[in-house]
Structure formats: structure tokens, C-alpha cells
Amino acid sequence: MIRKLKSGEYRIYSLTVNPVTKKRRNLGTFDTLNAAKNHERQIAYFKNLDHK
């Protein structure tokens, strides 16, 4: 999930909520929306790999 910050930067948050803190995990902050979307795709690719 990408959100725009007040500073104009974009931050990626995890889709799942941490049960201890009740907040979403910060997965990175980027200057442009394009950079954030690119990194989000990289995260999705890595998480869907079969790590055997």
C-alpha cells in the first residue's frame, strides 16, 4: 500500500497489521510515486518466489 506523506514523499506500508503494535510496517520511503511503485513490484516478486 502506497501513501503520500505531507513532505511530498511516498511511503510503502505492508498490507498486514502488526498484532503487537496495531500498525502497518514501513517498507520504504521514496521521492517519486514511480519509484515507490517499482519497489512495491520488487517486494511482491520476492515474496512470491519459491525459496526451496
N, C-alpha and C. Protein backbone atom coordinates (compact mmCIF):
# COMPACT_ATOMS: atom_id res chain seq x y z
N MET A 1 0.84 -1.15 0.00
CA MET A 1 0.00 0.00 0.00
C MET A 1 0.90 1.23 0.00
N ILE A 2 0.66 2.16 -0.92
CA ILE A 2 1.48 3.37 -1.03
C ILE A 2 0.65 4.55 -0.55
N ARG A 3 1.25 5.36 0.31
CA ARG A 3 0.59 6.58 0.79
C ARG A 3 1.51 7.77 0.57
N LYS A 4 0.91 8.92 0.26
CA LYS A 4 1.68 10.14 0.09
C LYS A 4 1.78 10.85 1.44
N LEU A 5 3.00 11.24 1.80
CA LEU A 5 3.25 11.92 3.07
C LEU A 5 3.10 13.42 2.91
N LYS A 6 2.99 14.13 4.01
CA LYS A 6 2.88 15.60 3.96
C LYS A 6 4.11 16.24 3.34
N SER A 7 5.25 15.56 3.45
CA SER A 7 6.50 16.09 2.90
C SER A 7 6.56 15.95 1.38
N GLY A 8 5.59 15.24 0.78
CA GLY A 8 5.57 15.05 -0.65
C GLY A 8 6.19 13.72 -1.08
N GLU A 9 6.77 13.00 -0.14
CA GLU A 9 7.36 11.70 -0.45
C GLU A 9 6.27 10.62 -0.40
N TYR A 10 6.61 9.44 -0.89
CA TYR A 10 5.68 8.32 -0.91
C TYR A 10 6.26 7.20 -0.06
N ARG A 11 5.41 6.57 0.74
CA ARG A 11 5.86 5.50 1.62
C ARG A 11 5.05 4.25 1.35
N ILE A 12 5.75 3.11 1.34
CA ILE A 12 5.11 1.81 1.18
C ILE A 12 4.89 1.20 2.56
N TYR A 13 3.66 0.77 2.80
CA TYR A 13 3.32 0.10 4.05
C TYR A 13 2.91 -1.33 3.73
N SER A 14 3.14 -2.24 4.66
CA SER A 14 2.72 -3.63 4.47
C SER A 14 1.20 -3.69 4.50
N LEU A 15 0.65 -4.72 3.87
CA LEU A 15 -0.80 -4.87 3.83
C LEU A 15 -1.35 -5.43 5.13
N THR A 16 -0.51 -6.15 5.88
CA THR A 16 -0.95 -6.74 7.13
C THR A 16 -0.58 -5.86 8.32
N VAL A 17 -1.39 -5.88 9.33
CA VAL A 17 -1.18 -5.09 10.54
C VAL A 17 -0.40 -5.92 11.54
N ASN A 18 0.60 -5.31 12.18
CA ASN A 18 1.37 -5.97 13.22
C ASN A 18 0.46 -6.16 14.43
N PRO A 19 0.28 -7.39 14.91
CA PRO A 19 -0.66 -7.62 16.01
C PRO A 19 -0.21 -6.98 17.33
N VAL A 20 1.08 -6.75 17.50
CA VAL A 20 1.57 -6.17 18.75
C VAL A 20 1.36 -4.66 18.77
N THR A 21 1.78 -3.97 17.71
CA THR A 21 1.70 -2.51 17.68
C THR A 21 0.41 -1.98 17.07
N LYS A 22 -0.35 -2.86 16.39
CA LYS A 22 -1.60 -2.49 15.70
C LYS A 22 -1.36 -1.48 14.57
N LYS A 23 -0.13 -1.47 14.03
CA LYS A 23 0.21 -0.56 12.93
C LYS A 23 0.78 -1.36 11.76
N ARG A 24 0.82 -0.73 10.61
CA ARG A 24 1.41 -1.36 9.43
C ARG A 24 2.90 -1.09 9.40
N ARG A 25 3.66 -2.05 8.87
CA ARG A 25 5.12 -1.92 8.81
C ARG A 25 5.54 -1.01 7.66
N ASN A 26 6.50 -0.11 7.92
CA ASN A 26 7.05 0.77 6.90
C ASN A 26 8.03 -0.04 6.05
N LEU A 27 7.78 -0.11 4.73
CA LEU A 27 8.64 -0.88 3.84
C LEU A 27 9.51 0.00 2.96
N GLY A 28 9.54 1.30 3.21
CA GLY A 28 10.42 2.18 2.45
C GLY A 28 9.76 3.49 2.09
N THR A 29 10.59 4.53 1.97
CA THR A 29 10.12 5.86 1.61
C THR A 29 10.85 6.31 0.34
N PHE A 30 10.11 6.87 -0.61
CA PHE A 30 10.67 7.21 -1.92
C PHE A 30 10.24 8.61 -2.33
N ASP A 31 11.07 9.27 -3.15
CA ASP A 31 10.81 10.63 -3.60
C ASP A 31 9.69 10.71 -4.63
N THR A 32 9.57 9.68 -5.48
CA THR A 32 8.58 9.72 -6.55
C THR A 32 7.63 8.52 -6.43
N LEU A 33 6.43 8.71 -6.96
CA LEU A 33 5.44 7.64 -6.98
C LEU A 33 5.91 6.49 -7.85
N ASN A 34 6.58 6.82 -8.95
CA ASN A 34 7.08 5.79 -9.85
C ASN A 34 8.11 4.89 -9.15
N ALA A 35 9.00 5.48 -8.38
CA ALA A 35 10.00 4.71 -7.63
C ALA A 35 9.32 3.82 -6.59
N ALA A 36 8.29 4.33 -5.94
CA ALA A 36 7.57 3.55 -4.93
C ALA A 36 6.85 2.37 -5.57
N LYS A 37 6.21 2.59 -6.72
CA LYS A 37 5.50 1.51 -7.41
C LYS A 37 6.49 0.43 -7.87
N ASN A 38 7.66 0.87 -8.35
CA ASN A 38 8.67 -0.07 -8.80
C ASN A 38 9.14 -0.94 -7.64
N HIS A 39 9.37 -0.34 -6.49
CA HIS A 39 9.84 -1.10 -5.34
C HIS A 39 8.74 -2.03 -4.81
N GLU A 40 7.49 -1.59 -4.90
CA GLU A 40 6.37 -2.43 -4.48
C GLU A 40 6.29 -3.69 -5.34
N ARG A 41 6.54 -3.54 -6.65
CA ARG A 41 6.57 -4.70 -7.55
C ARG A 41 7.72 -5.63 -7.18
N GLN A 42 8.88 -5.06 -6.82
CA GLN A 42 10.02 -5.88 -6.41
C GLN A 42 9.71 -6.66 -5.14
N ILE A 43 9.03 -6.03 -4.21
CA ILE A 43 8.65 -6.72 -2.96
C ILE A 43 7.70 -7.87 -3.28
N ALA A 44 6.70 -7.62 -4.12
CA ALA A 44 5.73 -8.65 -4.47
C ALA A 44 6.42 -9.82 -5.17
N TYR A 45 7.37 -9.54 -6.06
CA TYR A 45 8.10 -10.59 -6.76
C TYR A 45 8.89 -11.43 -5.76
N PHE A 46 9.58 -10.79 -4.84
CA PHE A 46 10.39 -11.51 -3.87
C PHE A 46 9.53 -12.37 -2.95
N LYS A 47 8.40 -11.84 -2.52
CA LYS A 47 7.55 -12.59 -1.60
C LYS A 47 6.90 -13.79 -2.28
N ASN A 48 6.72 -13.76 -3.60
CA ASN A 48 6.06 -14.85 -4.31
C ASN A 48 7.02 -15.90 -4.83
N LEU A 49 8.33 -15.74 -4.60
CA LEU A 49 9.30 -16.74 -5.04
C LEU A 49 9.17 -18.00 -4.21
N ASP A 50 9.51 -19.09 -4.81
CA ASP A 50 9.53 -20.36 -4.10
C ASP A 50 10.94 -20.57 -3.58
N HIS A 51 11.17 -20.32 -2.29
CA HIS A 51 12.51 -20.35 -1.70
C HIS A 51 12.86 -21.74 -1.19
N LYS A 52 13.01 -22.69 -2.11
CA LYS A 52 13.37 -24.05 -1.70
C LYS A 52 14.82 -24.34 -2.00
